[in-house]
C-alpha atoms as a PDB file:
ATOM      1  CA  MET A   1    -143.596-121.751-248.700  1.00  0.00           C
ATOM      2  CA  SER A   2    -146.625-122.978-247.402  1.00  0.00           C
ATOM      3  CA  HIS A   3    -150.733-123.654-249.380  1.00  0.00           C
ATOM      4  CA  ASP A   4    -152.266-121.275-246.530  1.00  0.00           C
ATOM      5  CA  ARG A   5    -154.311-118.651-247.865  1.00  0.00           C
ATOM      6  CA  PHE A   6    -152.078-116.130-249.521  1.00  0.00           C
ATOM      7  CA  GLY A   7    -153.613-112.768-247.560  1.00  0.00           C
ATOM      8  CA  LEU A   8    -152.181-109.151-249.003  1.00  0.00           C
ATOM      9  CA  SER A   9    -148.769-108.432-250.407  1.00  0.00           C
ATOM     10  CA  VAL A  10    -148.056-104.813-251.352  1.00  0.00           C
ATOM     11  CA  ALA A  11    -146.141-104.196-254.734  1.00  0.00           C
ATOM     12  CA  ILE A  12    -143.845-101.925-252.834  1.00  0.00           C
ATOM     13  CA  SER A  13    -143.140 -98.446-254.876  1.00  0.00           C
ATOM     14  CA  THR A  14    -139.180 -97.784-255.008  1.00  0.00           C
ATOM     15  CA  PRO A  15    -137.911 -94.620-253.706  1.00  0.00           C
ATOM     16  CA  PHE A  16    -134.609 -93.300-255.259  1.00  0.00           C
ATOM     17  CA  ASP A  17    -132.370 -90.780-254.499  1.00  0.00           C
ATOM     18  CA  ALA A  18    -130.939 -87.750-256.091  1.00  0.00           C
ATOM     19  CA  ARG A  19    -129.306 -89.890-258.915  1.00  0.00           C
ATOM     20  CA  ALA A  20    -132.124 -92.189-259.243  1.00  0.00           C
ATOM     21  CA  ARG A  21    -130.761 -94.853-257.338  1.00  0.00           C
ATOM     22  CA  ILE A  22    -132.283 -97.100-255.344  1.00  0.00           C
ATOM     23  CA  ASP A  23    -133.054 -95.638-251.455  1.00  0.00           C
ATOM     24  CA  LEU A  24    -132.174 -98.615-249.391  1.00  0.00           C
ATOM     25  CA  VAL A  25    -133.215 -96.757-246.237  1.00  0.00           C
ATOM     26  CA  LYS A  26    -136.420 -95.259-247.325  1.00  0.00           C
ATOM     27  CA  LEU A  27    -137.984 -98.503-248.798  1.00  0.00           C
ATOM     28  CA  ILE A  28    -137.103-100.308-246.068  1.00  0.00           C
ATOM     29  CA  ALA A  29    -138.592 -98.010-243.554  1.00  0.00           C
ATOM     30  CA  HIS A  30    -142.133 -98.272-246.294  1.00  0.00           C
ATOM     31  CA  ALA A  31    -142.025-102.176-245.970  1.00  0.00           C
ATOM     32  CA  ARG A  32    -141.424-102.257-242.559  1.00  0.00           C
ATOM     33  CA  ARG A  33    -144.557 -99.351-242.160  1.00  0.00           C
ATOM     34  CA  CYS A  34    -146.889-101.302-244.779  1.00  0.00           C
ATOM     35  CA  LEU A  35    -146.343-104.874-242.713  1.00  0.00           C
ATOM     36  CA  LYS A  36    -147.229-103.149-239.527  1.00  0.00           C
ATOM     37  CA  GLU A  37    -150.359-101.807-241.203  1.00  0.00           C
ATOM     38  CA  GLY A  38    -151.418-105.551-242.005  1.00  0.00           C
ATOM     39  CA  ALA A  39    -149.774-106.203-245.383  1.00  0.00           C
ATOM     40  CA  ASP A  40    -148.836-109.860-245.086  1.00  0.00           C
ATOM     41  CA  SER A  41    -145.901-109.814-247.027  1.00  0.00           C
ATOM     42  CA  ILE A  42    -144.318-106.897-249.660  1.00  0.00           C
ATOM     43  CA  THR A  43    -143.546-107.945-253.491  1.00  0.00           C
ATOM     44  CA  LEU A  44    -140.033-106.769-254.690  1.00  0.00           C
ATOM     45  CA  PHE A  45    -139.354-104.950-257.825  1.00  0.00           C
ATOM     46  CA  GLY A  46    -143.370-105.154-259.531  1.00  0.00           C
ATOM     47  CA  THR A  47    -144.955-103.060-262.126  1.00  0.00           C
ATOM     48  CA  THR A  48    -146.235-100.524-259.238  1.00  0.00           C
ATOM     49  CA  GLY A  49    -142.073-100.806-257.806  1.00  0.00           C
ATOM     50  CA  GLU A  50    -140.723 -99.867-261.393  1.00  0.00           C
ATOM     51  CA  GLY A  51    -138.782-103.483-261.251  1.00  0.00           C
ATOM     52  CA  PHE A  52    -138.685-103.343-264.871  1.00  0.00           C
ATOM     53  CA  ALA A  53    -135.840-101.060-264.857  1.00  0.00           C
ATOM     54  CA  PHE A  54    -133.777-102.578-262.722  1.00  0.00           C
ATOM     55  CA  SER A  55    -130.349-104.035-263.172  1.00  0.00           C
ATOM     56  CA  ILE A  56    -129.561-107.264-261.868  1.00  0.00           C
ATOM     57  CA  ALA A  57    -126.891-106.349-259.263  1.00  0.00           C
ATOM     58  CA  GLU A  58    -129.463-103.617-258.300  1.00  0.00           C
ATOM     59  CA  ARG A  59    -131.885-106.637-257.582  1.00  0.00           C
ATOM     60  CA  ALA A  60    -128.869-108.321-255.517  1.00  0.00           C
ATOM     61  CA  ASP A  61    -128.264-105.605-253.810  1.00  0.00           C
ATOM     62  CA  THR A  62    -131.712-104.639-252.612  1.00  0.00           C
ATOM     63  CA  ILE A  63    -132.709-108.623-251.600  1.00  0.00           C
ATOM     64  CA  THR A  64    -129.083-108.703-249.746  1.00  0.00           C
ATOM     65  CA  ALA A  65    -130.436-105.299-247.647  1.00  0.00           C
ATOM     66  CA  PHE A  66    -133.916-106.906-246.487  1.00  0.00           C
ATOM     67  CA  LYS A  67    -132.007-109.812-245.581  1.00  0.00           C
ATOM     68  CA  ASP A  68    -129.743-107.787-243.622  1.00  0.00           C
ATOM     69  CA  ALA A  69    -132.333-106.045-241.897  1.00  0.00           C
ATOM     70  CA  GLY A  70    -133.832-108.860-240.488  1.00  0.00           C
ATOM     71  CA  PHE A  71    -137.225-109.495-242.359  1.00  0.00           C
ATOM     72  CA  ASP A  72    -138.163-112.990-242.895  1.00  0.00           C
ATOM     73  CA  MET A  73    -137.101-113.389-246.093  1.00  0.00           C
ATOM     74  CA  ARG A  74    -140.300-117.205-246.326  1.00  0.00           C
ATOM     75  CA  ARG A  75    -143.373-115.268-245.201  1.00  0.00           C
ATOM     76  CA  GLN A  76    -142.684-111.343-245.627  1.00  0.00           C
ATOM     77  CA  VAL A  77    -141.150-110.766-248.954  1.00  0.00           C
ATOM     78  CA  GLY A  78    -141.528-112.236-252.443  1.00  0.00           C
ATOM     79  CA  ILE A  79    -140.249-110.770-255.191  1.00  0.00           C
ATOM     80  CA  ALA A  80    -141.174-109.959-259.367  1.00  0.00           C
ATOM     81  CA  ILE A  81    -138.742-111.674-261.894  1.00  0.00           C
ATOM     82  CA  MET A  82    -139.016-109.479-265.656  1.00  0.00           C
ATOM     83  CA  ALA A  83    -137.188-110.253-268.050  1.00  0.00           C
ATOM     84  CA  THR A  84    -137.280-111.763-271.131  1.00  0.00           C
ATOM     85  CA  SER A  85    -134.382-114.096-271.871  1.00  0.00           C
ATOM     86  CA  ILE A  86    -134.169-117.110-269.820  1.00  0.00           C
ATOM     87  CA  GLY A  87    -130.925-116.586-268.667  1.00  0.00           C
ATOM     88  CA  ASP A  88    -131.714-113.398-267.334  1.00  0.00           C
ATOM     89  CA  ALA A  89    -135.260-114.858-265.307  1.00  0.00           C
ATOM     90  CA  VAL A  90    -132.763-118.014-264.264  1.00  0.00           C
ATOM     91  CA  THR A  91    -130.442-115.022-262.366  1.00  0.00           C
ATOM     92  CA  GLN A  92    -133.223-113.076-261.106  1.00  0.00           C
ATOM     93  CA  PHE A  93    -134.933-116.223-259.573  1.00  0.00           C
ATOM     94  CA  GLU A  94    -131.565-117.590-258.184  1.00  0.00           C
ATOM     95  CA  GLN A  95    -131.339-114.115-256.586  1.00  0.00           C
ATOM     96  CA  GLY A  96    -134.359-114.496-254.523  1.00  0.00           C
ATOM     97  CA  LEU A  97    -134.511-118.870-253.760  1.00  0.00           C
ATOM     98  CA  ALA A  98    -130.578-117.903-252.641  1.00  0.00           C
ATOM     99  CA  ALA A  99    -132.080-115.403-250.235  1.00  0.00           C
ATOM    100  CA  ASP A 100    -135.244-118.055-249.367  1.00  0.00           C
ATOM    101  CA  CYS A 101    -138.239-115.461-251.028  1.00  0.00           C
ATOM    102  CA  ARG A 102    -141.931-116.000-249.970  1.00  0.00           C
ATOM    103  CA  HIS A 103    -143.328-115.765-253.567  1.00  0.00           C
ATOM    104  CA  PHE A 104    -141.830-115.185-257.114  1.00  0.00           C
ATOM    105  CA  LEU A 105    -144.327-112.924-259.701  1.00  0.00           C
ATOM    106  CA  LEU A 106    -143.602-114.339-263.137  1.00  0.00           C
ATOM    107  CA  THR A 107    -144.252-111.627-266.178  1.00  0.00           C
ATOM    108  CA  PRO A 108    -144.356-113.574-268.670  1.00  0.00           C
ATOM    109  CA  PRO A 109    -141.624-112.636-271.875  1.00  0.00           C
ATOM    110  CA  PHE A 110    -142.857-109.421-273.005  1.00  0.00           C
ATOM    111  CA  TYR A 111    -140.934-107.896-276.072  1.00  0.00           C
ATOM    112  CA  THR A 112    -142.278-110.310-278.999  1.00  0.00           C
ATOM    113  CA  LYS A 113    -146.181-109.568-279.596  1.00  0.00           C
ATOM    114  CA  GLY A 114    -148.593-112.025-280.010  1.00  0.00           C
ATOM    115  CA  PRO A 115    -146.940-115.136-278.931  1.00  0.00           C
ATOM    116  CA  THR A 116    -149.188-118.171-278.882  1.00  0.00           C
ATOM    117  CA  ASP A 117    -150.012-119.981-276.137  1.00  0.00           C
ATOM    118  CA  ASP A 118    -147.493-122.803-276.997  1.00  0.00           C
ATOM    119  CA  GLY A 119    -145.191-120.293-277.412  1.00  0.00           C
ATOM    120  CA  ILE A 120    -145.612-118.824-273.628  1.00  0.00           C
ATOM    121  CA  PHE A 121    -145.908-122.167-272.218  1.00  0.00           C
ATOM    122  CA  ASP A 122    -142.348-123.216-273.872  1.00  0.00           C
ATOM    123  CA  TRP A 123    -140.757-120.316-272.339  1.00  0.00           C
ATOM    124  CA  HIS A 124    -142.095-120.987-268.642  1.00  0.00           C
ATOM    125  CA  ALA A 125    -141.191-124.697-269.430  1.00  0.00           C
ATOM    126  CA  ALA A 126    -137.429-123.912-270.746  1.00  0.00           C
ATOM    127  CA  LEU A 127    -137.310-121.426-267.565  1.00  0.00           C
ATOM    128  CA  PHE A 128    -138.301-123.930-264.950  1.00  0.00           C
ATOM    129  CA  ALA A 129    -136.332-126.418-266.410  1.00  0.00           C
ATOM    130  CA  ALA A 130    -132.908-124.149-266.863  1.00  0.00           C
ATOM    131  CA  LEU A 131    -133.962-124.071-262.488  1.00  0.00           C
ATOM    132  CA  ARG A 132    -133.423-127.710-262.135  1.00  0.00           C
ATOM    133  CA  GLY A 133    -135.516-128.175-260.113  1.00  0.00           C
ATOM    134  CA  LYS A 134    -135.473-125.668-257.901  1.00  0.00           C
ATOM    135  CA  ALA A 135    -138.201-122.939-259.041  1.00  0.00           C
ATOM    136  CA  ARG A 136    -141.405-123.104-256.351  1.00  0.00           C
ATOM    137  CA  ASP A 137    -144.233-120.418-255.413  1.00  0.00           C
ATOM    138  CA  VAL A 138    -144.602-119.436-258.791  1.00  0.00           C
ATOM    139  CA  ILE A 139    -147.469-116.110-259.548  1.00  0.00           C
ATOM    140  CA  VAL A 140    -147.489-116.298-262.878  1.00  0.00           C
ATOM    141  CA  TYR A 141    -148.843-112.999-264.418  1.00  0.00           C
ATOM    142  CA  ASN A 142    -151.360-111.585-266.615  1.00  0.00           C
ATOM    143  CA  LEU A 143    -151.054-108.058-266.721  1.00  0.00           C
ATOM    144  CA  PRO A 144    -151.817-107.806-270.479  1.00  0.00           C
ATOM    145  CA  SER A 145    -152.287-103.756-270.819  1.00  0.00           C
ATOM    146  CA  GLN A 146    -148.362-103.887-270.164  1.00  0.00           C
ATOM    147  CA  THR A 147    -146.546-106.790-271.449  1.00  0.00           C
ATOM    148  CA  ALA A 148    -149.092-107.726-274.365  1.00  0.00           C
ATOM    149  CA  ILE A 149    -149.744-111.001-273.274  1.00  0.00           C
ATOM    150  CA  ALA A 150    -153.305-111.961-271.899  1.00  0.00           C
ATOM    151  CA  LEU A 151    -152.721-115.565-270.210  1.00  0.00           C
ATOM    152  CA  SER A 152    -155.457-118.044-271.246  1.00  0.00           C
ATOM    153  CA  LEU A 153    -157.353-119.988-269.171  1.00  0.00           C
ATOM    154  CA  ASP A 154    -156.001-123.105-270.583  1.00  0.00           C
ATOM    155  CA  LEU A 155    -152.442-121.768-270.400  1.00  0.00           C
ATOM    156  CA  ILE A 156    -152.915-121.717-267.028  1.00  0.00           C
ATOM    157  CA  ASP A 157    -154.604-125.247-266.665  1.00  0.00           C
ATOM    158  CA  ARG A 158    -151.368-126.325-268.749  1.00  0.00           C
ATOM    159  CA  LEU A 159    -149.009-124.611-266.661  1.00  0.00           C
ATOM    160  CA  LYS A 160    -150.444-126.120-263.291  1.00  0.00           C
ATOM    161  CA  SER A 161    -150.930-129.891-264.899  1.00  0.00           C
ATOM    162  CA  THR A 162    -147.624-130.132-265.840  1.00  0.00           C
ATOM    163  CA  PHE A 163    -145.907-128.151-263.190  1.00  0.00           C
ATOM    164  CA  PRO A 164    -148.285-128.716-260.298  1.00  0.00           C
ATOM    165  CA  ALA A 165    -145.332-128.454-257.553  1.00  0.00           C
ATOM    166  CA  VAL A 166    -143.861-124.770-258.897  1.00  0.00           C
ATOM    167  CA  ILE A 167    -147.113-122.973-259.858  1.00  0.00           C
ATOM    168  CA  ARG A 168    -148.631-121.549-256.769  1.00  0.00           C
ATOM    169  CA  GLY A 169    -151.190-118.892-258.454  1.00  0.00           C
ATOM    170  CA  VAL A 170    -152.267-116.526-260.580  1.00  0.00           C
ATOM    171  CA  LYS A 171    -152.215-112.601-260.042  1.00  0.00           C
ATOM    172  CA  ASP A 172    -155.058-110.630-262.492  1.00  0.00           C
ATOM    173  CA  SER A 173    -154.140-107.089-263.629  1.00  0.00           C
ATOM    174  CA  SER A 174    -156.216-107.463-266.292  1.00  0.00           C
ATOM    175  CA  SER A 175    -159.003-105.377-264.960  1.00  0.00           C
ATOM    176  CA  ASN A 176    -160.734-107.523-266.361  1.00  0.00           C
ATOM    177  CA  LEU A 177    -163.724-108.917-264.000  1.00  0.00           C
ATOM    178  CA  ALA A 178    -165.550-111.773-266.069  1.00  0.00           C
ATOM    179  CA  PHE A 179    -161.657-112.978-266.151  1.00  0.00           C
ATOM    180  CA  SER A 180    -161.199-112.857-262.908  1.00  0.00           C
ATOM    181  CA  GLN A 181    -164.303-114.749-261.998  1.00  0.00           C
ATOM    182  CA  SER A 182    -163.592-117.867-264.642  1.00  0.00           C
ATOM    183  CA  LEU A 183    -159.984-117.822-263.155  1.00  0.00           C
ATOM    184  CA  VAL A 184    -161.292-118.457-259.373  1.00  0.00           C
ATOM    185  CA  SER A 185    -164.518-120.457-261.581  1.00  0.00           C
ATOM    186  CA  ARG A 186    -162.339-123.021-263.222  1.00  0.00           C
ATOM    187  CA  HIS A 187    -158.623-122.406-261.176  1.00  0.00           C
ATOM    188  CA  GLY A 188    -160.239-121.966-257.449  1.00  0.00           C
ATOM    189  CA  ASP A 189    -157.602-124.705-256.758  1.00  0.00           C
ATOM    190  CA  LEU A 190    -154.445-122.087-257.394  1.00  0.00           C
ATOM    191  CA  ALA A 191    -153.957-118.688-255.246  1.00  0.00           C
ATOM    192  CA  ILE A 192    -156.413-116.329-257.294  1.00  0.00           C
ATOM    193  CA  LEU A 193    -155.107-113.034-256.514  1.00  0.00           C
ATOM    194  CA  ILE A 194    -156.275-109.490-257.756  1.00  0.00           C
ATOM    195  CA  GLY A 195    -153.901-106.883-258.920  1.00  0.00           C
ATOM    196  CA  ASP A 196    -157.174-104.429-259.883  1.00  0.00           C
ATOM    197  CA  GLU A 197    -158.389-103.529-256.151  1.00  0.00           C
ATOM    198  CA  ARG A 198    -161.850-102.759-257.797  1.00  0.00           C
ATOM    199  CA  HIS A 199    -161.928-105.928-257.958  1.00  0.00           C
ATOM    200  CA  LEU A 200    -160.838-107.538-254.323  1.00  0.00           C
ATOM    201  CA  ALA A 201    -163.954-107.994-252.286  1.00  0.00           C
ATOM    202  CA  ASP A 202    -165.889-110.026-255.358  1.00  0.00           C
ATOM    203  CA  ILE A 203    -163.425-112.074-256.099  1.00  0.00           C
ATOM    204  CA  VAL A 204    -162.351-113.067-252.378  1.00  0.00           C
ATOM    205  CA  ARG A 205    -166.588-113.251-252.433  1.00  0.00           C
ATOM    206  CA  ARG A 206    -165.676-116.455-254.585  1.00  0.00           C
ATOM    207  CA  GLY A 207    -162.941-117.783-252.668  1.00  0.00           C
ATOM    208  CA  GLY A 208    -160.096-116.024-254.422  1.00  0.00           C
ATOM    209  CA  GLN A 209    -157.498-115.411-251.679  1.00  0.00           C
ATOM    210  CA  GLY A 210    -156.272-112.417-251.798  1.00  0.00           C
ATOM    211  CA  ALA A 211    -154.215-109.415-253.798  1.00  0.00           C
ATOM    212  CA  ILE A 212    -150.951-107.932-254.779  1.00  0.00           C
ATOM    213  CA  CYS A 213    -151.670-104.290-255.452  1.00  0.00           C
ATOM    214  CA  GLY A 214    -150.228-100.757-255.884  1.00  0.00           C
ATOM    215  CA  VAL A 215    -152.872 -99.453-253.653  1.00  0.00           C
ATOM    216  CA  ALA A 216    -151.443-101.027-250.114  1.00  0.00           C
ATOM    217  CA  ASN A 217    -149.121 -98.597-250.353  1.00  0.00           C
ATOM    218  CA  ILE A 218    -150.883 -95.873-249.172  1.00  0.00           C
ATOM    219  CA  ALA A 219    -154.026 -98.534-247.611  1.00  0.00           C
ATOM    220  CA  ALA A 220    -152.753-101.065-246.478  1.00  0.00           C
ATOM    221  CA  ALA A 221    -155.119-101.431-243.305  1.00  0.00           C
ATOM    222  CA  ARG A 222    -158.329-100.849-245.843  1.00  0.00           C
ATOM    223  CA  LEU A 223    -157.416-103.513-247.804  1.00  0.00           C
ATOM    224  CA  ARG A 224    -156.593-106.290-244.823  1.00  0.00           C
ATOM    225  CA  ARG A 225    -160.360-106.047-243.942  1.00  0.00           C
ATOM    226  CA  LEU A 226    -161.160-106.369-247.327  1.00  0.00           C
ATOM    227  CA  VAL A 227    -159.111-109.179-247.792  1.00  0.00           C
ATOM    228  CA  ASP A 228    -159.749-111.078-244.795  1.00  0.00           C
ATOM    229  CA  THR A 229    -164.013-110.226-244.743  1.00  0.00           C
ATOM    230  CA  GLY A 230    -164.260-110.106-248.367  1.00  0.00           C
ATOM    231  CA  GLN A 231    -166.813-107.094-248.151  1.00  0.00           C
ATOM    232  CA  ASP A 232    -167.095-104.269-250.410  1.00  0.00           C
ATOM    233  CA  ASP A 233    -165.243-101.318-249.618  1.00  0.00           C
ATOM    234  CA  PRO A 234    -166.341 -98.066-251.644  1.00  0.00           C
ATOM    235  CA  ALA A 235    -163.434 -95.793-250.427  1.00  0.00           C
ATOM    236  CA  ILE A 236    -161.494 -98.169-251.740  1.00  0.00           C
ATOM    237  CA  THR A 237    -162.719 -98.064-255.242  1.00  0.00           C
ATOM    238  CA  SER A 238    -162.913 -94.365-255.021  1.00  0.00           C
ATOM    239  CA  ILE A 239    -159.227 -94.425-254.135  1.00  0.00           C
ATOM    240  CA  VAL A 240    -158.433 -96.582-257.168  1.00  0.00           C
ATOM    241  CA  ASP A 241    -160.816 -94.210-259.249  1.00  0.00           C
ATOM    242  CA  ALA A 242    -158.784 -90.783-258.840  1.00  0.00           C
ATOM    243  CA  VAL A 243    -155.299 -92.857-258.813  1.00  0.00           C
ATOM    244  CA  CYS A 244    -156.152 -94.120-262.242  1.00  0.00           C
ATOM    245  CA  ARG A 245    -157.129 -90.791-263.696  1.00  0.00           C
ATOM    246  CA  TYR A 246    -153.276 -90.658-263.814  1.00  0.00           C
ATOM    247  CA  PRO A 247    -150.517 -92.775-264.470  1.00  0.00           C
ATOM    248  CA  VAL A 248    -150.865 -95.422-261.808  1.00  0.00           C
ATOM    249  CA  LEU A 249    -147.069 -95.606-260.737  1.00  0.00           C
ATOM    250  CA  PRO A 250    -145.717 -91.633-260.446  1.00  0.00           C
ATOM    251  CA  ALA A 251    -149.381 -91.745-258.505  1.00  0.00           C
ATOM    252  CA  ILE A 252    -148.745 -93.720-256.022  1.00  0.00           C
ATOM    253  CA  LYS A 253    -145.562 -92.502-255.270  1.00  0.00           C
ATOM    254  CA  ALA A 254    -147.268 -89.007-254.972  1.00  0.00           C
ATOM    255  CA  ILE A 255    -149.406 -89.961-252.221  1.00  0.00           C
ATOM    256  CA  ILE A 256    -146.026 -91.477-250.439  1.00  0.00           C
ATOM    257  CA  ALA A 257    -144.579 -88.690-250.986  1.00  0.00           C
ATOM    258  CA  GLN A 258    -147.840 -86.001-249.544  1.00  0.00           C
ATOM    259  CA  ASP A 259    -148.205 -88.614-246.201  1.00  0.00           C
ATOM    260  CA  SER A 260    -144.325 -88.740-245.186  1.00  0.00           C
ATOM    261  CA  SER A 261    -143.398 -85.391-246.075  1.00  0.00           C
ATOM    262  CA  ASP A 262    -140.695 -86.504-248.248  1.00  0.00           C
ATOM    263  CA  PRO A 263    -141.004 -84.924-251.999  1.00  0.00           C
ATOM    264  CA  ALA A 264    -138.107 -87.245-252.681  1.00  0.00           C
ATOM    265  CA  TRP A 265    -140.431 -89.941-252.574  1.00  0.00           C
ATOM    266  CA  SER A 266    -142.096 -88.389-256.264  1.00  0.00           C
ATOM    267  CA  GLY A 267    -139.091 -89.207-257.982  1.00  0.00           C
ATOM    268  CA  MET A 268    -139.278 -91.778-260.653  1.00  0.00           C
ATOM    269  CA  ARG A 269    -136.567 -93.636-263.215  1.00  0.00           C
ATOM    270  CA  ALA A 270    -136.634 -92.465-266.942  1.00  0.00           C
ATOM    271  CA  PRO A 271    -138.714 -92.757-268.694  1.00  0.00           C
ATOM    272  CA  LEU A 272    -140.983 -92.101-266.404  1.00  0.00           C
ATOM    273  CA  LEU A 273    -142.004 -88.797-264.744  1.00  0.00           C
ATOM    274  CA  PRO A 274    -143.364 -87.125-261.304  1.00  0.00           C
ATOM    275  CA  LEU A 275    -146.753 -85.745-261.130  1.00  0.00           C
ATOM    276  CA  SER A 276    -147.258 -82.081-261.872  1.00  0.00           C
ATOM    277  CA  THR A 277    -147.138 -79.970-258.427  1.00  0.00           C
ATOM    278  CA  ALA A 278    -150.800 -79.281-258.937  1.00  0.00           C
ATOM    279  CA  ASP A 279    -151.912 -83.076-259.946  1.00  0.00           C
ATOM    280  CA  ALA A 280    -150.212 -84.648-256.870  1.00  0.00           C
ATOM    281  CA  ALA A 281    -151.919 -82.195-254.342  1.00  0.00           C
ATOM    282  CA  ALA A 282    -155.054 -82.059-256.260  1.00  0.00           C
ATOM    283  CA  LEU A 283    -154.838 -86.162-256.297  1.00  0.00           C
ATOM    284  CA  TYR A 284    -154.048 -86.218-253.037  1.00  0.00           C
ATOM    285  CA  GLN A 285    -156.992 -84.294-251.207  1.00  0.00           C
ATOM    286  CA  ARG A 286    -159.321 -86.998-253.121  1.00  0.00           C
ATOM    287  CA  VAL A 287    -157.871 -89.859-251.613  1.00  0.00           C
ATOM    288  CA  ARG A 288    -156.945 -88.487-248.182  1.00  0.00           C
ATOM    289  CA  LEU A 289    -161.220 -87.589-248.523  1.00  0.00           C
ATOM    290  CA  HIS A 290    -162.220 -91.218-248.819  1.00  0.00           C
ATOM    291  CA  LEU A 291    -159.753 -92.502-246.514  1.00  0.00           C
ATOM    292  CA  ALA A 292    -161.350 -90.406-244.036  1.00  0.00           C
ATOM    293  CA  VAL A 293    -164.879 -92.059-244.162  1.00  0.00           C
END
């Protein structure tokens, strides 16, 4: 991957069939639709895509399906790494490397609570060492609401200084605008990417390079303009506010289900549950109203 501007990547939702298996046909069709609407790439196995619930075999099958479907893997498809053991993280990383994936969104080890910066650094260092010089295009993932690990500015500085050929950027999903602004100010040589779309325009104006985000599943064209111009879009803020009134992952799927007239899109993998019919209808009505502006 070149160090050109990162742009917009869809943290793509994952459809399931009636037996909670990944519906690869629907997933690939949705990915094509998002790219056609203006996304630069899609990111498989992220938080929005329920990647934390997938086996190694499911990941392999999904990556193979995208490659066989003719996607330009180096330009259009990135993956998230979600593992607590170094061995599993290595396997996930190697699957993406073998397919020549664009980027690797690296979730920190999320089970042990309260690790120090030194401990988190050591985990990353051990992973990169185990990859024997093959690691590249890593986007470190700051998602403290789910991982209970907040990546500090000092830790990010240490990672990029120690592994300059590996660390490509930071995805900040902290929803802390001041922290995101500090990332751009202190680490503007990296691709600073936003997960909370409400902060995206501000960060783009300051030099941020785009987003890996869930709302791009339903509003890629609007977000494409925002990433390109850095101009505020009140509709995007209103849409995110509406989605965040509900559990976010099933909320995004409920909107896709309505847009595609396919109720199966609402399916979640346990322990997550779909939105109720009433909540899904109310959310969709609000989102469509904002998108019409």
